[in-house]
Structures are given as structure tokens and as C-alpha cells.
Amino acid sequence: MVKFDDNRKKTTDAEDIIESARRTHDSASKDAALHYRDQFTSKAIIKRDSDVKIKTADELIIRASTMKESKGYRVFTVFNAIIMLFISAVTLYPFLYLVAQSFSSHTAIAKGLVTIFPVEPNVKTYMDVLSEGVFLNSYKNTIIYTIIGTVSSIFLSAFLAYPLSKPHLKFNKFLTPFVIFTMYFYGGLIPNYVLMTRIGLYDKWPAFIIPGLISTYYVLLMKAFFANSPHELEEAGELDGLSQIGVFFRVVLPLSKPIIATMTLFYAVSYWNNWFNAFLYLPTKEKWPVAYYLKTLIAGSFSTNDPGATADKAYLSANIRSCAMVLMALPIICMYPIVQRYYVQGMMLGGIKE
């Protein structure tokens, strides 16, 4: 009878230990869930004695804005506003000057009368440029090259950066320096030209995209972002039965919108402004991007060896540079506001360690 009671007591103690471990695990899981809820829903927990009250970020901002500002802080705000206005004016003036010059007459430009407002406004230069069928075809080529190149570069850079962000990856300590090595040492212009010719890509549009398909610097930015992302969410995806590819597409990429938007802007600008690859690999005029077309147009406008140059040609040569720069910058300027809310966040999250 005593032995039976001892066995029963041991069984009860074992059940108590199991129950205690379960409660501890549940408590830790609850704390982790609250932590990530606060992190991803932008809420803060304010503790007052024994009360716990959850305030949203908007409520905290309103409360902070009603606090009395010190005299030093007000002085700092005024000087900061003045400095930022000055920097904005210095940055904006060259572009406004280009726009004004592109709409001004050749005579006004020659006399130096143009500031940030057009003098003798006209659209003759734009009409001359846009009336060229080659220009519209080059614009179409640039849009196609930029879309295909940007999408391909984003996915390939992400595919490379994600495994490099995992410390437990086999041979990772050798692969990362190998990738960084390519940022400092380049194969050379002539070997690349010979390679493109040998593999049959000369005078074909992929030759414009492939040389800049992956940027090592952008890969390192994405690697830093992935390394700082919450690994618990990836583990939760694996527990739900997702493969590594599934975790990457269904967990990692949806959480990486800031860095993806930032890299999209960088790659798009790179492809949009690229003319050197077309100069090397695309001799056919119908395959030129708009950057290379405008570059040849500007170079032609400076040619003074043509004795048959007309007055219209001379007129075009005076402000064609401004017109070309405005046409080149306009799509990127329109694109920037779309990704602006992700831009700063993506750059910061890629360089901060917790």
C-alpha cells in the first residue's frame, strides 16, 4: 500500500512538472506575440503603477506635440528650417533653370537672360525632338529595357542576398567575400565585349541588360535588411509546412517592401540613364535606348563642321541639352513619389542592427 502511494505521488509530481513547463512555454509564447504585435502594429505600452494602457502611435504623437517646447529647441527648429530651405533652393535651381532654358529662345539663351523663368517662351525644340520617329521608338525601347531589367535585377539580387544573410549557411563565410570581391575587381571592358560577341548577344537587346543585372552594393544592402528581419516569422512559416522557397516568397518578400521599393528605384534609374551598353553592343539605331539617342543628338547639335547647317539647326543646338535633360529626368521624377514612402525606411532598415 505504501509502495502504491509512492508511485502515485511520483506520477503527480511528474504531471506537475509537465504542467509547469507548459505554462512557462505558454507565457513565453504570449510575451513573444505581444512583442511582435507592438513592433508591427506601431503601438506602445504605457505603464502607470499597476495599470497597463495601450496607446497608439497617433495618440503618442498628439501627446508629444502638446508638450511645451524649450527655447533652445525652438531656435534649433528655426535654424533647421532655414538651412533646409537653402539646401532645397540650391538643389532645385539647376533643374528649374534647365526647364526654363528648354522653353526659351536661342537669342535669350545667348544673351544670358534666362534664369528660372522662360524668356520668349516656345516649344520648338520639343517639337523638333518629338517629331523624330526614332525618338519615340527609343523611348519605347527604354521603357521595355527598364521594366525587364529592373524586375530581373530585383529578383536575382534578392535570390542572392537572402541565403547570404543566413549565418548557418554552409560555406557562407567563403561566399560572402567572393561576392564582395566582384565589387572591387572588374573583368575589364575588352573581355566583356569579347564575351558578348562570342555568345552571340552582339546587336541583341539582352546585351543591354545583362552586364548590369546584379549590383554587388545593392545585394549587400538587401543582405543587411534580410539579416535584421524577424527570424521567428520564418520559423513559423516552416512550422506551417512551407519550404524554404515558400518562406521566401510568402513571408520574407511581403515583409521586404521598403528595401524592394528602394532597390527598384535604384535599378530603374540605372537602366533608364544607361547609354554606354548601347554604345558598345547595339549598333542598330532601332534598338537604341532614349539615353543613347539623346546623347547622339546632343553630340550632333555641337557639330560646327557642317557648312550646310540651317538656322533651325543652329537654333536647336542652343537649348537641346536642356530639352534632353528634362525629357530624361521627367519619368524618374514621376516615379519617385510612388516609392518615396518606402525609400528612407528601406535605406535605414538595411543599415541598422538591433
Protein backbone atom coordinates (compact mmCIF):
# COMPACT_ATOMS: atom_id res chain seq x y z
CA MET A 1 0.00 0.00 0.00
CA VAL A 2 2.87 2.35 0.84
CA LYS A 3 4.58 1.48 -2.43
CA PHE A 4 1.39 2.26 -4.36
CA ASP A 5 1.13 5.66 -2.65
CA ASP A 6 4.77 6.40 -3.53
CA ASN A 7 4.16 5.61 -7.22
CA ARG A 8 1.04 7.76 -7.21
CA LYS A 9 2.99 10.63 -5.64
CA LYS A 10 5.73 10.34 -8.29
CA THR A 11 3.11 10.40 -11.04
CA THR A 12 1.53 13.52 -9.55
CA ASP A 13 4.93 15.23 -9.29
CA ALA A 14 5.69 14.42 -12.94
CA GLU A 15 2.33 15.82 -14.02
CA ASP A 16 3.01 18.98 -12.00
CA ILE A 17 6.40 19.41 -13.68
CA ILE A 18 4.86 18.95 -17.14
CA GLU A 19 2.06 21.40 -16.34
CA SER A 20 4.58 23.94 -15.02
CA ALA A 21 6.69 23.63 -18.17
CA ARG A 22 3.60 24.05 -20.34
CA ARG A 23 2.59 27.21 -18.50
CA THR A 24 6.11 28.62 -18.81
CA HIS A 25 6.11 27.90 -22.57
CA ASP A 26 2.66 29.48 -22.98
CA SER A 27 3.77 32.56 -21.07
CA ALA A 28 6.91 32.92 -23.22
CA SER A 29 4.87 32.48 -26.39
CA LYS A 30 2.38 35.11 -25.20
CA ASP A 31 5.18 37.57 -24.41
CA ALA A 32 6.72 36.98 -27.86
CA ALA A 33 3.35 37.50 -29.54
CA LEU A 34 2.82 40.77 -27.66
CA HIS A 35 6.31 41.91 -28.61
CA TYR A 36 5.76 41.40 -32.32
CA ARG A 37 2.26 42.85 -32.12
CA ASP A 38 3.73 46.03 -30.67
CA GLN A 39 6.53 46.01 -33.26
CA PHE A 40 4.39 45.57 -36.36
CA THR A 41 1.24 47.49 -35.34
CA SER A 42 3.11 50.61 -34.17
CA LYS A 43 1.65 50.57 -30.65
CA ALA A 44 3.31 51.29 -27.35
CA ILE A 45 2.52 50.03 -23.84
CA ILE A 46 2.42 52.75 -21.21
CA LYS A 47 2.73 51.51 -17.62
CA ARG A 48 1.35 53.60 -14.78
CA ASP A 49 1.74 51.95 -11.38
CA SER A 50 -0.38 48.82 -11.68
CA ASP A 51 -2.36 49.90 -14.75
CA VAL A 52 -1.30 48.92 -18.24
CA LYS A 53 -2.69 51.03 -21.04
CA ILE A 54 -2.05 50.60 -24.75
CA LYS A 55 -1.69 53.83 -26.74
CA THR A 56 -1.48 54.06 -30.48
CA ALA A 57 1.36 55.89 -32.23
CA ASP A 58 -1.03 58.69 -33.26
CA GLU A 59 -2.02 59.28 -29.63
CA LEU A 60 1.63 59.41 -28.60
CA ILE A 61 2.40 61.92 -31.37
CA ILE A 62 -0.53 64.14 -30.31
CA ARG A 63 0.63 63.98 -26.70
CA ALA A 64 4.21 64.82 -27.66
CA SER A 65 3.08 67.72 -29.84
CA THR A 66 1.20 69.30 -26.91
CA MET A 67 4.29 69.29 -24.69
CA LYS A 68 5.91 72.67 -24.04
CA GLU A 69 8.96 73.25 -26.22
CA SER A 70 12.10 74.75 -24.78
CA LYS A 71 13.63 77.95 -26.11
CA GLY A 72 16.70 76.10 -27.40
CA TYR A 73 14.52 73.63 -29.29
CA ARG A 74 12.57 76.48 -30.95
CA VAL A 75 15.82 78.15 -32.02
CA PHE A 76 17.07 74.85 -33.41
CA THR A 77 13.80 74.39 -35.34
CA VAL A 78 14.06 77.84 -36.93
CA PHE A 79 17.69 77.40 -37.98
CA ASN A 80 16.97 73.89 -39.22
CA ALA A 81 14.10 75.18 -41.37
CA ILE A 82 16.28 77.95 -42.82
CA ILE A 83 19.11 75.55 -43.65
CA MET A 84 16.73 73.03 -45.24
CA LEU A 85 15.08 75.78 -47.34
CA PHE A 86 18.51 76.92 -48.52
CA ILE A 87 19.56 73.37 -49.45
CA SER A 88 16.23 72.82 -51.25
CA ALA A 89 16.67 76.05 -53.23
CA VAL A 90 20.24 75.18 -54.22
CA THR A 91 19.12 71.70 -55.30
CA LEU A 92 16.03 72.86 -57.18
CA TYR A 93 17.53 75.84 -59.00
CA PRO A 94 19.57 73.89 -61.64
CA PHE A 95 16.55 71.86 -62.66
CA LEU A 96 14.30 74.93 -62.88
CA TYR A 97 17.00 76.64 -64.94
CA LEU A 98 17.11 73.69 -67.35
CA VAL A 99 13.33 73.71 -67.73
CA ALA A 100 13.29 77.47 -68.36
CA GLN A 101 16.15 77.19 -70.85
CA SER A 102 14.43 74.37 -72.75
CA PHE A 103 11.41 76.64 -73.34
CA SER A 104 13.40 79.81 -74.13
CA SER A 105 14.63 81.11 -77.46
CA HIS A 106 18.16 80.78 -78.74
CA THR A 107 18.65 84.56 -78.64
CA ALA A 108 17.64 84.82 -74.97
CA ILE A 109 19.94 81.95 -74.06
CA ALA A 110 22.86 83.51 -75.95
CA LYS A 111 22.33 86.84 -74.15
CA GLY A 112 22.14 85.14 -70.73
CA LEU A 113 18.66 86.43 -69.97
CA VAL A 114 17.25 83.10 -68.78
CA THR A 115 17.01 82.46 -65.03
CA ILE A 116 14.25 80.23 -63.66
CA PHE A 117 11.60 81.67 -65.96
CA PRO A 118 11.49 81.18 -69.75
CA VAL A 119 12.29 84.18 -71.94
CA GLU A 120 10.44 84.33 -75.27
CA PRO A 121 8.72 81.01 -74.48
CA ASN A 122 8.32 78.46 -77.26
CA VAL A 123 8.17 74.69 -77.71
CA LYS A 124 10.10 74.49 -80.98
CA THR A 125 12.89 72.38 -79.50
CA TYR A 126 10.44 69.88 -78.03
CA MET A 127 8.57 69.70 -81.33
CA ASP A 128 11.80 69.09 -83.22
CA VAL A 129 12.82 66.31 -80.86
CA LEU A 130 9.41 64.67 -80.52
CA SER A 131 8.76 64.83 -84.26
CA GLU A 132 11.57 62.38 -84.80
CA GLY A 133 10.18 58.85 -85.15
CA VAL A 134 13.44 57.46 -83.82
CA PHE A 135 12.94 59.33 -80.55
CA LEU A 136 9.56 57.72 -79.82
CA ASN A 137 10.91 54.29 -80.74
CA SER A 138 13.91 54.86 -78.46
CA TYR A 139 11.59 55.89 -75.64
CA LYS A 140 9.62 52.68 -76.10
CA ASN A 141 12.86 50.65 -76.06
CA THR A 142 13.97 52.34 -72.82
CA ILE A 143 10.66 51.57 -71.11
CA ILE A 144 10.91 47.90 -72.13
CA TYR A 145 14.57 47.62 -71.12
CA THR A 146 13.93 49.32 -67.78
CA ILE A 147 10.94 47.15 -66.85
CA ILE A 148 12.58 43.85 -67.82
CA GLY A 149 15.95 44.79 -66.34
CA THR A 150 14.56 46.13 -63.06
CA VAL A 151 12.30 43.13 -62.39
CA SER A 152 15.09 40.69 -63.26
CA SER A 153 17.64 42.54 -61.15
CA ILE A 154 15.36 42.73 -58.11
CA PHE A 155 14.61 39.00 -58.11
CA LEU A 156 18.17 37.90 -58.81
CA SER A 157 19.58 40.25 -56.18
CA ALA A 158 17.04 39.01 -53.63
CA PHE A 159 17.80 35.37 -54.50
CA LEU A 160 21.48 36.04 -53.87
CA ALA A 161 21.10 38.26 -50.78
CA TYR A 162 18.66 36.02 -48.87
CA PRO A 163 20.90 32.94 -48.48
CA LEU A 164 23.92 35.14 -47.80
CA SER A 165 22.02 36.63 -44.82
CA LYS A 166 21.89 33.22 -43.12
CA PRO A 167 24.94 32.66 -40.86
CA HIS A 168 24.30 28.91 -40.71
CA LEU A 169 24.60 28.55 -44.49
CA LYS A 170 27.38 26.14 -45.39
CA PHE A 171 30.42 27.93 -46.87
CA ASN A 172 28.77 31.30 -46.20
CA LYS A 173 32.00 32.77 -44.83
CA PHE A 174 33.61 31.98 -48.19
CA LEU A 175 30.72 33.01 -50.43
CA THR A 176 30.25 36.49 -48.95
CA PRO A 177 33.89 37.60 -49.53
CA PHE A 178 33.66 36.13 -53.03
CA VAL A 179 30.65 38.34 -53.76
CA ILE A 180 32.36 41.41 -52.26
CA PHE A 181 35.45 40.66 -54.38
CA THR A 182 33.45 41.38 -57.54
CA MET A 183 32.70 44.89 -56.29
CA TYR A 184 36.39 45.86 -56.33
CA PHE A 185 37.76 43.84 -59.25
CA TYR A 186 36.24 44.03 -62.71
CA GLY A 187 36.93 41.75 -65.66
CA GLY A 188 37.55 44.67 -67.99
CA LEU A 189 35.85 46.32 -70.92
CA ILE A 190 37.51 44.35 -73.71
CA PRO A 191 36.90 40.89 -72.12
CA ASN A 192 33.23 41.78 -71.63
CA TYR A 193 32.94 42.93 -75.23
CA VAL A 194 34.59 39.74 -76.48
CA LEU A 195 32.32 37.66 -74.24
CA MET A 196 29.14 39.30 -75.52
CA THR A 197 30.30 38.81 -79.09
CA ARG A 198 31.29 35.17 -78.59
CA ILE A 199 27.97 34.17 -77.01
CA GLY A 200 26.01 35.80 -79.82
CA LEU A 201 24.49 38.75 -77.95
CA TYR A 202 26.05 41.49 -80.06
CA ASP A 203 23.34 43.70 -81.59
CA LYS A 204 20.66 41.99 -79.46
CA TRP A 205 18.70 43.74 -76.72
CA PRO A 206 19.70 41.33 -73.86
CA ALA A 207 23.25 42.68 -74.21
CA PHE A 208 21.95 46.00 -72.87
CA ILE A 209 20.54 44.40 -69.67
CA ILE A 210 22.85 41.51 -68.75
CA PRO A 211 26.06 43.48 -67.89
CA GLY A 212 24.25 45.39 -65.11
CA LEU A 213 21.89 42.66 -63.99
CA ILE A 214 23.28 42.40 -60.43
CA SER A 215 24.92 45.16 -58.41
CA THR A 216 27.09 43.93 -55.53
CA TYR A 217 26.39 47.06 -53.48
CA TYR A 218 22.62 46.60 -53.76
CA VAL A 219 22.97 42.91 -52.88
CA LEU A 220 24.80 43.86 -49.68
CA LEU A 221 22.02 46.33 -48.78
CA MET A 222 19.38 43.62 -49.24
CA LYS A 223 21.52 41.15 -47.30
CA ALA A 224 21.67 43.54 -44.33
CA PHE A 225 17.90 44.01 -44.48
CA PHE A 226 17.19 40.27 -44.56
CA ALA A 227 19.63 39.66 -41.71
CA ASN A 228 17.71 42.10 -39.48
CA SER A 229 14.25 40.73 -40.31
CA PRO A 230 12.46 38.70 -37.57
CA HIS A 231 13.58 35.09 -37.93
CA GLU A 232 10.67 33.90 -35.75
CA LEU A 233 8.27 34.63 -38.60
CA GLU A 234 10.31 32.44 -40.95
CA GLU A 235 10.34 29.66 -38.36
CA ALA A 236 6.57 29.99 -38.00
CA GLY A 237 6.24 29.59 -41.76
CA GLU A 238 8.36 26.45 -41.68
CA LEU A 239 6.21 25.04 -38.86
CA ASP A 240 3.16 25.65 -41.07
CA GLY A 241 4.71 23.41 -43.71
CA LEU A 242 6.31 25.95 -46.05
CA SER A 243 9.50 25.08 -47.85
CA GLN A 244 12.44 27.49 -47.98
CA ILE A 245 11.18 28.82 -51.32
CA GLY A 246 7.71 29.18 -49.86
CA VAL A 247 9.06 31.07 -46.84
CA PHE A 248 10.99 33.37 -49.16
CA PHE A 249 8.01 34.23 -51.39
CA ARG A 250 5.19 34.18 -48.82
CA VAL A 251 6.92 35.52 -45.69
CA VAL A 252 10.18 37.31 -46.49
CA LEU A 253 9.26 39.23 -49.66
CA PRO A 254 5.95 40.63 -48.30
CA LEU A 255 7.89 41.99 -45.29
CA SER A 256 10.60 43.45 -47.53
CA LYS A 257 8.58 46.09 -49.37
CA PRO A 258 10.78 49.00 -48.15
CA ILE A 259 14.07 47.57 -49.43
CA ILE A 260 12.45 46.24 -52.62
CA ALA A 261 10.97 49.68 -53.39
CA THR A 262 14.35 51.30 -52.73
CA MET A 263 16.22 48.86 -54.95
CA THR A 264 13.54 49.22 -57.64
CA LEU A 265 14.20 52.95 -57.78
CA PHE A 266 17.97 52.46 -57.91
CA TYR A 267 17.89 49.81 -60.63
CA ALA A 268 15.27 51.69 -62.67
CA VAL A 269 17.35 54.88 -62.65
CA SER A 270 20.43 52.87 -63.61
CA TYR A 271 18.76 51.27 -66.64
CA TRP A 272 16.97 54.46 -67.65
CA ASN A 273 20.14 56.55 -67.78
CA ASN A 274 22.39 53.86 -69.27
CA TRP A 275 23.68 54.60 -72.75
CA PHE A 276 27.15 53.05 -72.65
CA ASN A 277 25.95 49.45 -73.14
CA ALA A 278 24.01 50.56 -76.21
CA PHE A 279 27.16 52.29 -77.48
CA LEU A 280 29.09 49.03 -77.11
CA TYR A 281 26.62 46.34 -78.12
CA LEU A 282 23.71 47.89 -80.09
CA PRO A 283 24.82 49.37 -83.42
CA THR A 284 21.28 49.20 -84.87
CA LYS A 285 19.50 52.52 -84.44
CA GLU A 286 16.08 50.89 -83.96
CA LYS A 287 17.34 49.19 -80.76
CA TRP A 288 18.81 52.28 -79.12
CA PRO A 289 17.52 53.45 -75.73
CA VAL A 290 16.49 57.07 -75.42
CA ALA A 291 19.59 57.97 -73.41
CA TYR A 292 21.90 56.95 -76.24
CA TYR A 293 19.68 58.59 -78.84
CA LEU A 294 19.71 61.90 -76.96
CA LYS A 295 23.44 61.57 -76.44
CA THR A 296 23.99 61.30 -80.20
CA LEU A 297 21.51 64.13 -80.75
CA ILE A 298 23.42 66.41 -78.37
CA ALA A 299 26.75 65.44 -79.94
CA GLY A 300 25.33 66.21 -83.38
CA SER A 301 24.00 69.57 -82.24
CA PHE A 302 27.54 70.68 -81.35
CA SER A 303 28.91 69.83 -84.77
CA THR A 304 30.09 73.03 -86.45
CA ASN A 305 31.85 71.44 -89.41
CA ASP A 306 28.70 71.17 -91.48
CA PRO A 307 28.69 74.13 -93.90
CA GLY A 308 25.07 73.45 -94.81
CA ALA A 309 23.77 73.88 -91.28
CA THR A 310 20.48 75.77 -91.30
CA ALA A 311 19.19 78.38 -88.89
CA ASP A 312 16.84 75.81 -87.41
CA LYS A 313 19.79 73.52 -86.72
CA ALA A 314 21.64 76.35 -85.02
CA TYR A 315 18.53 77.13 -83.01
CA LEU A 316 18.22 73.53 -81.90
CA SER A 317 21.86 73.32 -80.84
CA ALA A 318 21.45 76.12 -78.26
CA ASN A 319 18.91 74.53 -75.94
CA ILE A 320 18.78 70.90 -76.98
CA ARG A 321 20.84 69.89 -73.95
CA SER A 322 18.22 71.33 -71.62
CA CYS A 323 15.40 69.71 -73.56
CA ALA A 324 17.16 66.34 -73.49
CA MET A 325 17.79 66.51 -69.74
CA VAL A 326 14.18 67.43 -69.00
CA LEU A 327 12.87 64.57 -71.14
CA MET A 328 15.28 62.15 -69.48
CA ALA A 329 14.51 63.23 -65.90
CA LEU A 330 10.73 63.54 -66.18
CA PRO A 331 9.80 59.81 -65.89
CA ILE A 332 12.09 59.29 -62.90
CA ILE A 333 10.69 62.39 -61.20
CA CYS A 334 7.19 60.99 -61.70
CA MET A 335 8.27 57.60 -60.35
CA TYR A 336 9.93 58.88 -57.17
CA PRO A 337 6.75 59.96 -55.28
CA ILE A 338 5.35 56.46 -55.71
CA VAL A 339 8.22 54.81 -53.82
CA GLN A 340 9.18 57.77 -51.63
CA ARG A 341 7.40 56.48 -48.50
CA TYR A 342 9.46 53.27 -48.67
CA TYR A 343 12.72 54.91 -49.71
CA VAL A 344 14.03 56.29 -46.40
CA GLN A 345 12.68 53.34 -44.44
CA GLY A 346 14.37 50.86 -46.74
CA MET A 347 17.73 52.60 -46.55
CA MET A 348 17.56 52.86 -42.73
CA LEU A 349 16.39 49.31 -42.10
CA GLY A 350 19.14 47.98 -44.31
CA GLY A 351 21.82 49.57 -42.18
CA ILE A 352 20.59 49.23 -38.58
CA LYS A 353 21.31 46.32 -36.25
CA GLU A 354 19.26 45.70 -33.18
